[in-house]
C-alpha atoms as a PDB file:
ATOM      1  CA  MET A   1      62.111 -29.330  28.096  1.00  0.00           C
ATOM      2  CA  PHE A   2      61.370 -26.599  30.611  1.00  0.00           C
ATOM      3  CA  PHE A   3      57.682 -26.643  29.510  1.00  0.00           C
ATOM      4  CA  ILE A   4      57.472 -30.389  29.818  1.00  0.00           C
ATOM      5  CA  MET A   5      59.179 -30.262  33.215  1.00  0.00           C
ATOM      6  CA  GLY A   6      56.291 -28.396  34.727  1.00  0.00           C
ATOM      7  CA  PHE A   7      56.383 -24.815  33.401  1.00  0.00           C
ATOM      8  CA  ALA A   8      53.248 -25.425  31.312  1.00  0.00           C
ATOM      9  CA  SER A   9      51.404 -26.480  34.494  1.00  0.00           C
ATOM     10  CA  LEU A  10      52.795 -23.359  36.272  1.00  0.00           C
ATOM     11  CA  VAL A  11      51.469 -21.096  33.524  1.00  0.00           C
ATOM     12  CA  VAL A  12      47.960 -22.668  33.812  1.00  0.00           C
ATOM     13  CA  ALA A  13      48.121 -22.384  37.599  1.00  0.00           C
ATOM     14  CA  VAL A  14      49.060 -18.711  37.423  1.00  0.00           C
ATOM     15  CA  CYS A  15      46.278 -18.021  34.921  1.00  0.00           C
ATOM     16  CA  ASN A  16      43.832 -19.584  37.313  1.00  0.00           C
ATOM     17  CA  LEU A  17      44.530 -16.849  39.863  1.00  0.00           C
ATOM     18  CA  PHE A  18      42.819 -14.353  37.577  1.00  0.00           C
ATOM     19  CA  PRO A  19      39.121 -14.045  36.560  1.00  0.00           C
ATOM     20  CA  CYS A  20      39.637 -15.481  33.107  1.00  0.00           C
ATOM     21  CA  GLY A  21      40.996 -18.724  34.676  1.00  0.00           C
ATOM     22  CA  THR A  22      42.051 -21.659  32.584  1.00  0.00           C
ATOM     23  CA  ASP A  23      39.868 -20.481  29.677  1.00  0.00           C
ATOM     24  CA  CYS A  24      42.135 -17.567  28.781  1.00  0.00           C
ATOM     25  CA  TRP A  25      44.277 -17.701  25.615  1.00  0.00           C
ATOM     26  CA  LEU A  26      47.575 -18.132  27.459  1.00  0.00           C
ATOM     27  CA  ALA A  27      46.373 -21.155  29.447  1.00  0.00           C
ATOM     28  CA  ARG A  28      44.945 -22.797  26.320  1.00  0.00           C
ATOM     29  CA  GLN A  29      48.387 -22.581  24.810  1.00  0.00           C
ATOM     30  CA  MET A  30      49.662 -25.048  27.395  1.00  0.00           C
ATOM     31  CA  SER A  31      47.626 -27.932  25.967  1.00  0.00           C
ATOM     32  CA  HIS A  32      47.082 -29.607  22.566  1.00  0.00           C
ATOM     33  CA  PRO A  33      43.899 -28.844  20.486  1.00  0.00           C
ATOM     34  CA  SER A  34      41.537 -31.764  20.218  1.00  0.00           C
ATOM     35  CA  TRP A  35      42.289 -32.094  16.464  1.00  0.00           C
ATOM     36  CA  ASN A  36      42.919 -29.352  13.971  1.00  0.00           C
ATOM     37  CA  GLY A  37      44.612 -26.122  15.104  1.00  0.00           C
ATOM     38  CA  LEU A  38      47.859 -25.050  16.647  1.00  0.00           C
ATOM     39  CA  THR A  39      48.913 -24.060  20.142  1.00  0.00           C
ATOM     40  CA  HIS A  40      52.358 -23.408  21.689  1.00  0.00           C
ATOM     41  CA  HIS A  41      52.294 -26.873  23.238  1.00  0.00           C
ATOM     42  CA  ASP A  42      52.274 -28.307  19.748  1.00  0.00           C
ATOM     43  CA  THR A  43      55.599 -26.717  18.964  1.00  0.00           C
ATOM     44  CA  ILE A  44      57.584 -28.440  21.666  1.00  0.00           C
ATOM     45  CA  PHE A  45      57.834 -31.917  20.069  1.00  0.00           C
ATOM     46  CA  PRO A  46      58.861 -30.736  16.599  1.00  0.00           C
ATOM     47  CA  LEU A  47      61.305 -28.336  18.143  1.00  0.00           C
ATOM     48  CA  PHE A  48      63.075 -31.242  19.801  1.00  0.00           C
ATOM     49  CA  LEU A  49      63.203 -32.978  16.462  1.00  0.00           C
ATOM     50  CA  PHE A  50      64.435 -29.865  14.703  1.00  0.00           C
ATOM     51  CA  ILE A  51      67.274 -29.370  17.250  1.00  0.00           C
ATOM     52  CA  SER A  52      68.335 -33.024  16.964  1.00  0.00           C
ATOM     53  CA  GLY A  53      68.549 -32.576  13.273  1.00  0.00           C
ATOM     54  CA  MET A  54      70.400 -29.219  13.540  1.00  0.00           C
ATOM     55  CA  THR A  55      73.171 -30.794  15.589  1.00  0.00           C
ATOM     56  CA  PHE A  56      73.912 -33.577  13.115  1.00  0.00           C
ATOM     57  CA  PRO A  57      76.068 -31.635  10.622  1.00  0.00           C
ATOM     58  CA  PHE A  58      78.380 -30.749  13.545  1.00  0.00           C
ATOM     59  CA  SER A  59      78.454 -34.273  15.002  1.00  0.00           C
ATOM     60  CA  LEU A  60      79.032 -35.835  11.525  1.00  0.00           C
ATOM     61  CA  GLN A  61      81.988 -33.481  10.987  1.00  0.00           C
ATOM     62  CA  LYS A  62      83.367 -34.438  14.369  1.00  0.00           C
ATOM     63  CA  SER A  63      82.990 -38.135  13.704  1.00  0.00           C
ATOM     64  CA  ARG A  64      84.750 -37.903  10.373  1.00  0.00           C
ATOM     65  CA  LYS A  65      87.585 -35.883  11.849  1.00  0.00           C
ATOM     66  CA  LYS A  66      88.066 -38.670  14.402  1.00  0.00           C
ATOM     67  CA  GLY A  67      88.613 -41.025  11.496  1.00  0.00           C
ATOM     68  CA  LEU A  68      85.422 -43.000  11.711  1.00  0.00           C
ATOM     69  CA  SER A  69      84.403 -44.666   8.491  1.00  0.00           C
ATOM     70  CA  GLU A  70      81.061 -44.058   6.810  1.00  0.00           C
ATOM     71  CA  ARG A  71      79.980 -47.616   7.823  1.00  0.00           C
ATOM     72  CA  GLN A  72      80.865 -46.879  11.530  1.00  0.00           C
ATOM     73  CA  ILE A  73      78.933 -43.622  11.431  1.00  0.00           C
ATOM     74  CA  PHE A  74      75.984 -45.404   9.743  1.00  0.00           C
ATOM     75  CA  LEU A  75      75.889 -47.953  12.480  1.00  0.00           C
ATOM     76  CA  LYS A  76      76.263 -45.254  15.173  1.00  0.00           C
ATOM     77  CA  VAL A  77      73.230 -43.460  13.781  1.00  0.00           C
ATOM     78  CA  LEU A  78      71.295 -46.788  13.639  1.00  0.00           C
ATOM     79  CA  SER A  79      72.224 -47.478  17.249  1.00  0.00           C
ATOM     80  CA  ARG A  80      71.042 -44.094  18.457  1.00  0.00           C
ATOM     81  CA  GLY A  81      67.785 -44.378  16.576  1.00  0.00           C
ATOM     82  CA  LEU A  82      67.084 -47.797  18.026  1.00  0.00           C
ATOM     83  CA  ILE A  83      68.020 -46.819  21.543  1.00  0.00           C
ATOM     84  CA  LEU A  84      65.508 -43.923  21.450  1.00  0.00           C
ATOM     85  CA  CYS A  85      62.884 -46.236  20.153  1.00  0.00           C
ATOM     86  CA  ALA A  86      63.613 -48.644  22.974  1.00  0.00           C
ATOM     87  CA  LEU A  87      63.504 -45.908  25.568  1.00  0.00           C
ATOM     88  CA  GLY A  88      60.105 -44.843  24.217  1.00  0.00           C
ATOM     89  CA  VAL A  89      58.763 -48.304  24.754  1.00  0.00           C
ATOM     90  CA  VAL A  90      60.156 -48.253  28.342  1.00  0.00           C
ATOM     91  CA  TYR A  91      58.440 -44.926  28.872  1.00  0.00           C
ATOM     92  CA  ASN A  92      55.194 -46.377  27.721  1.00  0.00           C
ATOM     93  CA  GLY A  93      55.332 -49.091  30.410  1.00  0.00           C
ATOM     94  CA  PHE A  94      57.453 -51.949  29.146  1.00  0.00           C
ATOM     95  CA  PHE A  95      58.072 -53.191  32.687  1.00  0.00           C
ATOM     96  CA  SER A  96      54.363 -53.667  33.288  1.00  0.00           C
ATOM     97  CA  LEU A  97      54.750 -56.616  30.969  1.00  0.00           C
ATOM     98  CA  LYS A  98      51.364 -56.087  29.348  1.00  0.00           C
ATOM     99  CA  PHE A  99      52.702 -56.865  25.898  1.00  0.00           C
ATOM    100  CA  SER A 100      49.254 -57.706  24.440  1.00  0.00           C
ATOM    101  CA  THR A 101      48.122 -54.014  24.664  1.00  0.00           C
ATOM    102  CA  MET A 102      51.461 -52.152  25.128  1.00  0.00           C
ATOM    103  CA  ARG A 103      51.793 -49.034  22.997  1.00  0.00           C
ATOM    104  CA  PHE A 104      54.942 -49.272  20.856  1.00  0.00           C
ATOM    105  CA  TYR A 105      54.820 -45.895  19.165  1.00  0.00           C
ATOM    106  CA  SER A 106      56.188 -43.029  21.252  1.00  0.00           C
ATOM    107  CA  VAL A 107      57.615 -39.512  21.175  1.00  0.00           C
ATOM    108  CA  LEU A 108      61.095 -40.808  21.653  1.00  0.00           C
ATOM    109  CA  GLY A 109      60.528 -43.482  19.047  1.00  0.00           C
ATOM    110  CA  ARG A 110      59.447 -40.825  16.439  1.00  0.00           C
ATOM    111  CA  ILE A 111      62.494 -38.701  17.221  1.00  0.00           C
ATOM    112  CA  GLY A 112      64.696 -41.783  16.874  1.00  0.00           C
ATOM    113  CA  LEU A 113      63.229 -42.877  13.564  1.00  0.00           C
ATOM    114  CA  ALA A 114      62.875 -39.503  11.995  1.00  0.00           C
ATOM    115  CA  TRP A 115      66.316 -38.335  13.068  1.00  0.00           C
ATOM    116  CA  MET A 116      67.984 -41.650  11.983  1.00  0.00           C
ATOM    117  CA  LEU A 117      66.473 -41.618   8.519  1.00  0.00           C
ATOM    118  CA  SER A 118      67.177 -37.926   7.967  1.00  0.00           C
ATOM    119  CA  ALA A 119      70.743 -38.463   9.147  1.00  0.00           C
ATOM    120  CA  TRP A 120      71.291 -41.224   6.563  1.00  0.00           C
ATOM    121  CA  LEU A 121      69.879 -38.882   3.875  1.00  0.00           C
ATOM    122  CA  PHE A 122      72.282 -36.219   4.988  1.00  0.00           C
ATOM    123  CA  MET A 123      75.206 -38.636   4.667  1.00  0.00           C
ATOM    124  CA  VAL A 124      74.423 -39.825   1.212  1.00  0.00           C
ATOM    125  CA  CYS A 125      72.674 -36.926  -0.533  1.00  0.00           C
ATOM    126  CA  GLY A 126      73.796 -33.383  -1.357  1.00  0.00           C
ATOM    127  CA  LYS A 127      71.812 -30.335  -0.307  1.00  0.00           C
ATOM    128  CA  LYS A 128      69.951 -30.015  -3.633  1.00  0.00           C
ATOM    129  CA  TRP A 129      68.740 -33.644  -3.489  1.00  0.00           C
ATOM    130  CA  ARG A 130      67.713 -33.364   0.129  1.00  0.00           C
ATOM    131  CA  ALA A 131      65.645 -30.395  -0.607  1.00  0.00           C
ATOM    132  CA  ILE A 132      63.927 -32.223  -3.457  1.00  0.00           C
ATOM    133  CA  ILE A 133      63.381 -35.232  -1.217  1.00  0.00           C
ATOM    134  CA  ALA A 134      61.907 -33.084   1.583  1.00  0.00           C
ATOM    135  CA  ALA A 135      59.493 -31.396  -0.818  1.00  0.00           C
ATOM    136  CA  ALA A 136      58.489 -34.750  -2.355  1.00  0.00           C
ATOM    137  CA  ILE A 137      57.740 -36.176   1.088  1.00  0.00           C
ATOM    138  CA  LEU A 138      55.504 -33.179   1.973  1.00  0.00           C
ATOM    139  CA  VAL A 139      53.644 -33.364  -1.302  1.00  0.00           C
ATOM    140  CA  GLY A 140      53.363 -37.145  -1.362  1.00  0.00           C
ATOM    141  CA  TYR A 141      52.106 -37.278   2.183  1.00  0.00           C
ATOM    142  CA  SER A 142      49.515 -34.646   1.559  1.00  0.00           C
ATOM    143  CA  LEU A 143      48.242 -36.770  -1.316  1.00  0.00           C
ATOM    144  CA  LEU A 144      48.147 -39.804   0.818  1.00  0.00           C
ATOM    145  CA  LEU A 145      45.986 -38.015   3.293  1.00  0.00           C
ATOM    146  CA  LEU A 146      43.377 -37.592   0.698  1.00  0.00           C
ATOM    147  CA  ILE A 147      42.731 -41.381   0.701  1.00  0.00           C
ATOM    148  CA  PRO A 148      39.929 -42.169   3.148  1.00  0.00           C
ATOM    149  CA  SER A 149      40.199 -45.145   5.499  1.00  0.00           C
ATOM    150  CA  PRO A 150      38.405 -48.222   4.081  1.00  0.00           C
ATOM    151  CA  ASP A 151      37.140 -49.310   7.541  1.00  0.00           C
ATOM    152  CA  TYR A 152      35.309 -46.029   8.250  1.00  0.00           C
ATOM    153  CA  PRO A 153      33.189 -45.509   5.147  1.00  0.00           C
ATOM    154  CA  GLY A 154      31.732 -42.017   4.801  1.00  0.00           C
ATOM    155  CA  ALA A 155      34.227 -40.501   7.305  1.00  0.00           C
ATOM    156  CA  SER A 156      36.414 -37.594   6.085  1.00  0.00           C
ATOM    157  CA  SER A 157      39.960 -38.605   5.137  1.00  0.00           C
ATOM    158  CA  LEU A 158      41.159 -35.844   7.455  1.00  0.00           C
ATOM    159  CA  SER A 159      39.060 -36.883  10.529  1.00  0.00           C
ATOM    160  CA  LEU A 160      40.252 -38.797  13.544  1.00  0.00           C
ATOM    161  CA  GLU A 161      38.461 -41.966  12.467  1.00  0.00           C
ATOM    162  CA  GLY A 162      38.768 -41.717   8.677  1.00  0.00           C
ATOM    163  CA  ASN A 163      42.462 -40.841   7.957  1.00  0.00           C
ATOM    164  CA  ILE A 164      44.738 -43.324   6.275  1.00  0.00           C
ATOM    165  CA  VAL A 165      47.436 -42.964   9.010  1.00  0.00           C
ATOM    166  CA  GLY A 166      45.162 -44.596  11.550  1.00  0.00           C
ATOM    167  CA  TYR A 167      44.059 -47.203   9.039  1.00  0.00           C
ATOM    168  CA  ILE A 168      47.642 -48.392   8.397  1.00  0.00           C
ATOM    169  CA  ASP A 169      48.337 -48.631  12.131  1.00  0.00           C
ATOM    170  CA  ARG A 170      45.147 -50.486  12.784  1.00  0.00           C
ATOM    171  CA  CYS A 171      46.265 -53.061  10.216  1.00  0.00           C
ATOM    172  CA  LEU A 172      49.830 -53.360  11.698  1.00  0.00           C
ATOM    173  CA  LEU A 173      49.252 -52.891  15.443  1.00  0.00           C
ATOM    174  CA  PRO A 174      45.541 -53.041  16.083  1.00  0.00           C
ATOM    175  CA  ASN A 175      45.725 -53.438  19.861  1.00  0.00           C
ATOM    176  CA  HIS A 176      48.709 -51.154  20.524  1.00  0.00           C
ATOM    177  CA  LEU A 177      47.483 -47.650  19.697  1.00  0.00           C
ATOM    178  CA  LEU A 178      46.923 -44.624  21.943  1.00  0.00           C
ATOM    179  CA  TYR A 179      43.252 -43.765  21.088  1.00  0.00           C
ATOM    180  CA  SER A 180      40.424 -46.169  21.463  1.00  0.00           C
ATOM    181  CA  VAL A 181      39.186 -45.438  17.900  1.00  0.00           C
ATOM    182  CA  GLY A 182      42.412 -47.003  16.620  1.00  0.00           C
ATOM    183  CA  PHE A 183      44.645 -43.995  16.014  1.00  0.00           C
ATOM    184  CA  ASP A 184      48.091 -43.065  17.278  1.00  0.00           C
ATOM    185  CA  PRO A 185      49.558 -39.517  16.866  1.00  0.00           C
ATOM    186  CA  GLU A 186      52.992 -41.048  16.572  1.00  0.00           C
ATOM    187  CA  GLY A 187      51.939 -43.619  13.986  1.00  0.00           C
ATOM    188  CA  LEU A 188      54.105 -45.044  11.242  1.00  0.00           C
ATOM    189  CA  LEU A 189      53.022 -43.168   8.146  1.00  0.00           C
ATOM    190  CA  SER A 190      53.030 -39.721   9.895  1.00  0.00           C
ATOM    191  CA  THR A 191      56.709 -40.273  10.656  1.00  0.00           C
ATOM    192  CA  LEU A 192      57.354 -39.257   7.015  1.00  0.00           C
ATOM    193  CA  PRO A 193      56.730 -35.561   7.464  1.00  0.00           C
ATOM    194  CA  ALA A 194      58.556 -35.737  10.812  1.00  0.00           C
ATOM    195  CA  ILE A 195      61.678 -36.643   8.820  1.00  0.00           C
ATOM    196  CA  VAL A 196      61.296 -33.416   6.998  1.00  0.00           C
ATOM    197  CA  THR A 197      61.195 -31.599  10.415  1.00  0.00           C
ATOM    198  CA  ALA A 198      64.587 -33.087  11.220  1.00  0.00           C
ATOM    199  CA  MET A 199      65.833 -32.210   7.764  1.00  0.00           C
ATOM    200  CA  LEU A 200      64.818 -28.494   8.285  1.00  0.00           C
ATOM    201  CA  GLY A 201      67.010 -28.617  11.323  1.00  0.00           C
ATOM    202  CA  GLN A 202      69.876 -30.121   9.327  1.00  0.00           C
ATOM    203  CA  PHE A 203      69.608 -27.332   6.760  1.00  0.00           C
ATOM    204  CA  THR A 204      69.777 -24.831   9.518  1.00  0.00           C
ATOM    205  CA  GLY A 205      72.834 -26.433  11.188  1.00  0.00           C
ATOM    206  CA  GLU A 206      74.494 -26.772   7.792  1.00  0.00           C
ATOM    207  CA  PHE A 207      73.851 -23.085   7.062  1.00  0.00           C
ATOM    208  CA  VAL A 208      75.301 -21.953  10.403  1.00  0.00           C
ATOM    209  CA  LYS A 209      78.352 -24.284  10.177  1.00  0.00           C
ATOM    210  CA  ASP A 210      79.342 -23.720   6.570  1.00  0.00           C
ATOM    211  CA  SER A 211      78.049 -20.344   5.467  1.00  0.00           C
ATOM    212  CA  ASP A 212      80.249 -17.282   5.660  1.00  0.00           C
ATOM    213  CA  ARG A 213      77.262 -15.101   4.804  1.00  0.00           C
ATOM    214  CA  ARG A 214      76.918 -11.981   6.921  1.00  0.00           C
ATOM    215  CA  HIS A 215      73.734 -11.330   8.866  1.00  0.00           C
ATOM    216  CA  LYS A 216      73.022 -15.054   9.382  1.00  0.00           C
ATOM    217  CA  THR A 217      70.221 -14.226  11.852  1.00  0.00           C
ATOM    218  CA  LEU A 218      68.406 -12.136   9.298  1.00  0.00           C
ATOM    219  CA  TRP A 219      68.687 -14.765   6.648  1.00  0.00           C
ATOM    220  CA  MET A 220      67.286 -17.378   9.120  1.00  0.00           C
ATOM    221  CA  LEU A 221      64.347 -15.172   9.914  1.00  0.00           C
ATOM    222  CA  LEU A 222      63.664 -14.598   6.314  1.00  0.00           C
ATOM    223  CA  ALA A 223      63.678 -18.396   5.695  1.00  0.00           C
ATOM    224  CA  ALA A 224      61.370 -18.814   8.695  1.00  0.00           C
ATOM    225  CA  ALA A 225      58.990 -16.202   7.162  1.00  0.00           C
ATOM    226  CA  VAL A 226      58.921 -18.110   3.899  1.00  0.00           C
ATOM    227  CA  LEU A 227      58.182 -21.392   5.556  1.00  0.00           C
ATOM    228  CA  LEU A 228      55.380 -19.734   7.592  1.00  0.00           C
ATOM    229  CA  VAL A 229      53.706 -18.252   4.547  1.00  0.00           C
ATOM    230  CA  LEU A 230      53.860 -21.497   2.630  1.00  0.00           C
ATOM    231  CA  GLY A 231      52.510 -23.409   5.617  1.00  0.00           C
ATOM    232  CA  LEU A 232      49.577 -21.008   6.080  1.00  0.00           C
ATOM    233  CA  ILE A 233      48.751 -21.075   2.459  1.00  0.00           C
ATOM    234  CA  TRP A 234      48.870 -24.853   2.438  1.00  0.00           C
ATOM    235  CA  SER A 235      46.605 -24.980   5.488  1.00  0.00           C
ATOM    236  CA  ASN A 236      43.695 -23.746   3.323  1.00  0.00           C
ATOM    237  CA  TRP A 237      43.621 -27.170   1.795  1.00  0.00           C
ATOM    238  CA  LEU A 238      45.309 -29.303   4.436  1.00  0.00           C
ATOM    239  CA  PRO A 239      44.622 -28.177   7.956  1.00  0.00           C
ATOM    240  CA  ILE A 240      47.381 -27.622  10.489  1.00  0.00           C
ATOM    241  CA  ASN A 241      47.286 -30.772  12.632  1.00  0.00           C
ATOM    242  CA  LYS A 242      49.884 -32.076  14.930  1.00  0.00           C
ATOM    243  CA  LYS A 243      48.355 -35.510  15.413  1.00  0.00           C
ATOM    244  CA  LEU A 244      48.526 -36.149  11.674  1.00  0.00           C
ATOM    245  CA  TRP A 245      51.782 -34.100  11.390  1.00  0.00           C
ATOM    246  CA  THR A 246      50.331 -32.568   8.176  1.00  0.00           C
ATOM    247  CA  SER A 247      52.646 -30.926   5.675  1.00  0.00           C
ATOM    248  CA  SER A 248      51.198 -27.526   6.623  1.00  0.00           C
ATOM    249  CA  PHE A 249      51.946 -28.276  10.270  1.00  0.00           C
ATOM    250  CA  THR A 250      55.480 -29.293   9.292  1.00  0.00           C
ATOM    251  CA  LEU A 251      56.135 -26.015   7.587  1.00  0.00           C
ATOM    252  CA  VAL A 252      54.590 -23.772  10.275  1.00  0.00           C
ATOM    253  CA  VAL A 253      56.288 -25.412  13.245  1.00  0.00           C
ATOM    254  CA  GLY A 254      59.532 -25.512  11.166  1.00  0.00           C
ATOM    255  CA  ALA A 255      59.154 -21.778  10.814  1.00  0.00           C
ATOM    256  CA  PHE A 256      58.665 -21.401  14.585  1.00  0.00           C
ATOM    257  CA  SER A 257      61.637 -23.586  15.328  1.00  0.00           C
ATOM    258  CA  LEU A 258      63.911 -21.743  12.926  1.00  0.00           C
ATOM    259  CA  ALA A 259      62.766 -18.365  14.230  1.00  0.00           C
ATOM    260  CA  MET A 260      63.370 -19.364  17.787  1.00  0.00           C
ATOM    261  CA  TYR A 261      66.876 -20.676  16.932  1.00  0.00           C
ATOM    262  CA  ALA A 262      67.655 -17.450  15.031  1.00  0.00           C
ATOM    263  CA  LEU A 263      66.532 -15.418  18.010  1.00  0.00           C
ATOM    264  CA  PHE A 264      68.636 -17.272  20.474  1.00  0.00           C
ATOM    265  CA  TYR A 265      71.562 -17.518  18.091  1.00  0.00           C
ATOM    266  CA  TRP A 266      71.538 -13.654  17.942  1.00  0.00           C
ATOM    267  CA  ILE A 267      71.191 -13.286  21.771  1.00  0.00           C
ATOM    268  CA  ILE A 268      73.800 -15.870  22.728  1.00  0.00           C
ATOM    269  CA  ASP A 269      76.315 -16.317  19.834  1.00  0.00           C
ATOM    270  CA  ILE A 270      76.171 -12.866  18.346  1.00  0.00           C
ATOM    271  CA  LYS A 271      75.498 -10.534  21.298  1.00  0.00           C
ATOM    272  CA  GLY A 272      77.176 -12.816  23.862  1.00  0.00           C
ATOM    273  CA  TYR A 273      74.485 -12.679  26.545  1.00  0.00           C
ATOM    274  CA  THR A 274      75.153 -16.027  28.220  1.00  0.00           C
ATOM    275  CA  LYS A 275      74.960 -15.640  31.970  1.00  0.00           C
ATOM    276  CA  TRP A 276      71.167 -16.153  32.033  1.00  0.00           C
ATOM    277  CA  THR A 277      71.399 -19.485  30.241  1.00  0.00           C
ATOM    278  CA  PHE A 278      72.772 -21.596  33.088  1.00  0.00           C
ATOM    279  CA  PHE A 279      69.404 -22.477  34.454  1.00  0.00           C
ATOM    280  CA  PHE A 280      68.351 -23.853  31.057  1.00  0.00           C
ATOM    281  CA  GLN A 281      71.722 -25.453  30.300  1.00  0.00           C
ATOM    282  CA  VAL A 282      71.322 -27.655  33.416  1.00  0.00           C
ATOM    283  CA  ILE A 283      68.002 -28.853  31.888  1.00  0.00           C
ATOM    284  CA  GLY A 284      69.246 -29.143  28.355  1.00  0.00           C
ATOM    285  CA  MET A 285      72.311 -31.186  29.173  1.00  0.00           C
ATOM    286  CA  ASN A 286      70.111 -33.957  30.552  1.00  0.00           C
ATOM    287  CA  SER A 287      66.814 -33.515  28.696  1.00  0.00           C
ATOM    288  CA  ILE A 288      66.243 -37.195  27.961  1.00  0.00           C
ATOM    289  CA  THR A 289      67.110 -37.957  31.623  1.00  0.00           C
ATOM    290  CA  ILE A 290      64.446 -35.753  33.054  1.00  0.00           C
ATOM    291  CA  TYR A 291      61.945 -36.766  30.450  1.00  0.00           C
ATOM    292  CA  MET A 292      62.413 -40.445  31.540  1.00  0.00           C
ATOM    293  CA  LEU A 293      62.738 -39.825  35.231  1.00  0.00           C
ATOM    294  CA  GLN A 294      59.431 -37.890  35.438  1.00  0.00           C
ATOM    295  CA  LYS A 295      57.787 -41.238  34.447  1.00  0.00           C
ATOM    296  CA  ILE A 296      59.885 -43.241  36.899  1.00  0.00           C
ATOM    297  CA  LEU A 297      60.462 -41.125  40.031  1.00  0.00           C
ATOM    298  CA  PRO A 298      57.655 -39.776  42.299  1.00  0.00           C
ATOM    299  CA  PHE A 299      58.397 -36.095  42.100  1.00  0.00           C
ATOM    300  CA  SER A 300      54.728 -35.269  42.806  1.00  0.00           C
ATOM    301  CA  ALA A 301      54.906 -37.332  46.050  1.00  0.00           C
ATOM    302  CA  VAL A 302      58.108 -35.646  47.120  1.00  0.00           C
ATOM    303  CA  ASN A 303      56.474 -32.249  46.352  1.00  0.00           C
ATOM    304  CA  ARG A 304      53.476 -33.098  48.509  1.00  0.00           C
ATOM    305  CA  PHE A 305      55.639 -34.313  51.315  1.00  0.00           C
ATOM    306  CA  PHE A 306      57.366 -30.888  51.633  1.00  0.00           C
ATOM    307  CA  PHE A 307      54.563 -28.534  50.694  1.00  0.00           C
ATOM    308  CA  GLU A 308      51.318 -30.132  51.598  1.00  0.00           C
ATOM    309  CA  GLY A 309      51.208 -28.237  54.930  1.00  0.00           C
ATOM    310  CA  LEU A 310      51.948 -24.864  53.333  1.00  0.00           C
ATOM    311  CA  VAL A 311      49.334 -25.499  50.547  1.00  0.00           C
ATOM    312  CA  GLY A 312      46.782 -26.185  53.174  1.00  0.00           C
ATOM    313  CA  LEU A 313      47.141 -22.734  54.563  1.00  0.00           C
ATOM    314  CA  VAL A 314      46.453 -20.874  51.316  1.00  0.00           C
ATOM    315  CA  PRO A 315      43.534 -20.748  48.835  1.00  0.00           C
ATOM    316  CA  GLU A 316      43.365 -23.710  46.438  1.00  0.00           C
ATOM    317  CA  PRO A 317      44.500 -21.680  43.348  1.00  0.00           C
ATOM    318  CA  VAL A 318      47.580 -20.404  45.154  1.00  0.00           C
ATOM    319  CA  GLY A 319      48.263 -23.920  46.377  1.00  0.00           C
ATOM    320  CA  LYS A 320      48.434 -25.107  42.783  1.00  0.00           C
ATOM    321  CA  VAL A 321      51.024 -22.465  41.974  1.00  0.00           C
ATOM    322  CA  ILE A 322      53.139 -23.591  44.964  1.00  0.00           C
ATOM    323  CA  TYR A 323      52.936 -27.178  43.801  1.00  0.00           C
ATOM    324  CA  ALA A 324      53.820 -26.253  40.277  1.00  0.00           C
ATOM    325  CA  VAL A 325      56.848 -24.215  41.418  1.00  0.00           C
ATOM    326  CA  GLY A 326      57.854 -26.943  43.741  1.00  0.00           C
ATOM    327  CA  TYR A 327      57.688 -29.596  41.011  1.00  0.00           C
ATOM    328  CA  ILE A 328      59.932 -27.610  38.769  1.00  0.00           C
ATOM    329  CA  GLY A 329      62.319 -27.014  41.679  1.00  0.00           C
ATOM    330  CA  TRP A 330      62.761 -30.704  42.587  1.00  0.00           C
ATOM    331  CA  CYS A 331      63.293 -31.653  38.906  1.00  0.00           C
ATOM    332  CA  TRP A 332      65.830 -28.919  38.454  1.00  0.00           C
ATOM    333  CA  LEU A 333      67.660 -29.611  41.684  1.00  0.00           C
ATOM    334  CA  LEU A 334      68.170 -33.281  40.626  1.00  0.00           C
ATOM    335  CA  LEU A 335      69.464 -32.137  37.219  1.00  0.00           C
ATOM    336  CA  TRP A 336      71.785 -29.638  38.893  1.00  0.00           C
ATOM    337  CA  PHE A 337      73.219 -32.453  41.080  1.00  0.00           C
ATOM    338  CA  LEU A 338      73.839 -34.558  37.973  1.00  0.00           C
ATOM    339  CA  TYR A 339      75.330 -31.518  36.221  1.00  0.00           C
ATOM    340  CA  LYS A 340      77.691 -30.859  39.099  1.00  0.00           C
ATOM    341  CA  LYS A 341      78.808 -34.521  39.070  1.00  0.00           C
ATOM    342  CA  ARG A 342      79.185 -34.372  35.226  1.00  0.00           C
ATOM    343  CA  VAL A 343      76.656 -37.222  34.763  1.00  0.00           C
ATOM    344  CA  PHE A 344      74.884 -36.906  31.507  1.00  0.00           C
ATOM    345  CA  LEU A 345      72.587 -39.401  29.751  1.00  0.00           C
ATOM    346  CA  LYS A 346      73.704 -39.393  26.145  1.00  0.00           C
ATOM    347  CA  VAL A 347      72.198 -41.522  23.355  1.00  0.00           C
END
């Protein structure tokens, strides 16, 4: 969330202070590739989904200890998934009332659907069957991507125009997609491999919660290495592509998410280095809040009000750094105020 809250823009602004400018490798990591490929910015969305899946084994255990029935938990999962979908539509501009062209797919909607379906699988299936289902989804989805779109004859089945994901969405919601060619990166069919991303998080949470194995960090890093190797091998036939959420992408970003969790598990839970985490805890406790509020509140206007004079006194590249730092600061101060008041938006 820190990257979405302005840190990515700050990195780009700082890079622009140097001769390499925004063309340098680090600056390019703060945006998505046009189609195939992988940058750091591509890892943020699946990491959210991975984390939401990782917490479910703990929340399910807590709900069962409270005496909730399986039906009540099932409905609670359904409610959370639908609320996230609804928030995604609000984020896309529901209150503009332009229903004829409004985009219904969203980042929050994908998190809601993928998490919800993976949670139900977790409730009804054992670990072995969930592993089989995850593998079947990835293989089956890869085979589906070999089918070219009928309405773009001659186009590659893995191109922006010719993929089957876009074709299905054009049939279902022809006027409600993100790209003018009739494609949406959060489309219906590509939600299938996103379910596996949430399932990978669940496997991780389950391992941490239930396993008494020593050296958990090492085992998680080894599992991440296996996922990475499998994903890179798979990418020789099926490119790493976030917009299609290809199976190779799922494995590679799953490896990244697992490795990052293992690293911070070791730093925070094993070594006990926690004092530095407060800044990020303030953000993480209200991540959906700040995601929504950046769309609703004029943080940029507030930033200009306080810093426009100072920015006018310095070179333009330095001014962009000041604006980027200021934007992060205003967002964090609002979240800190909510944190102090114990106000948290929970879905």
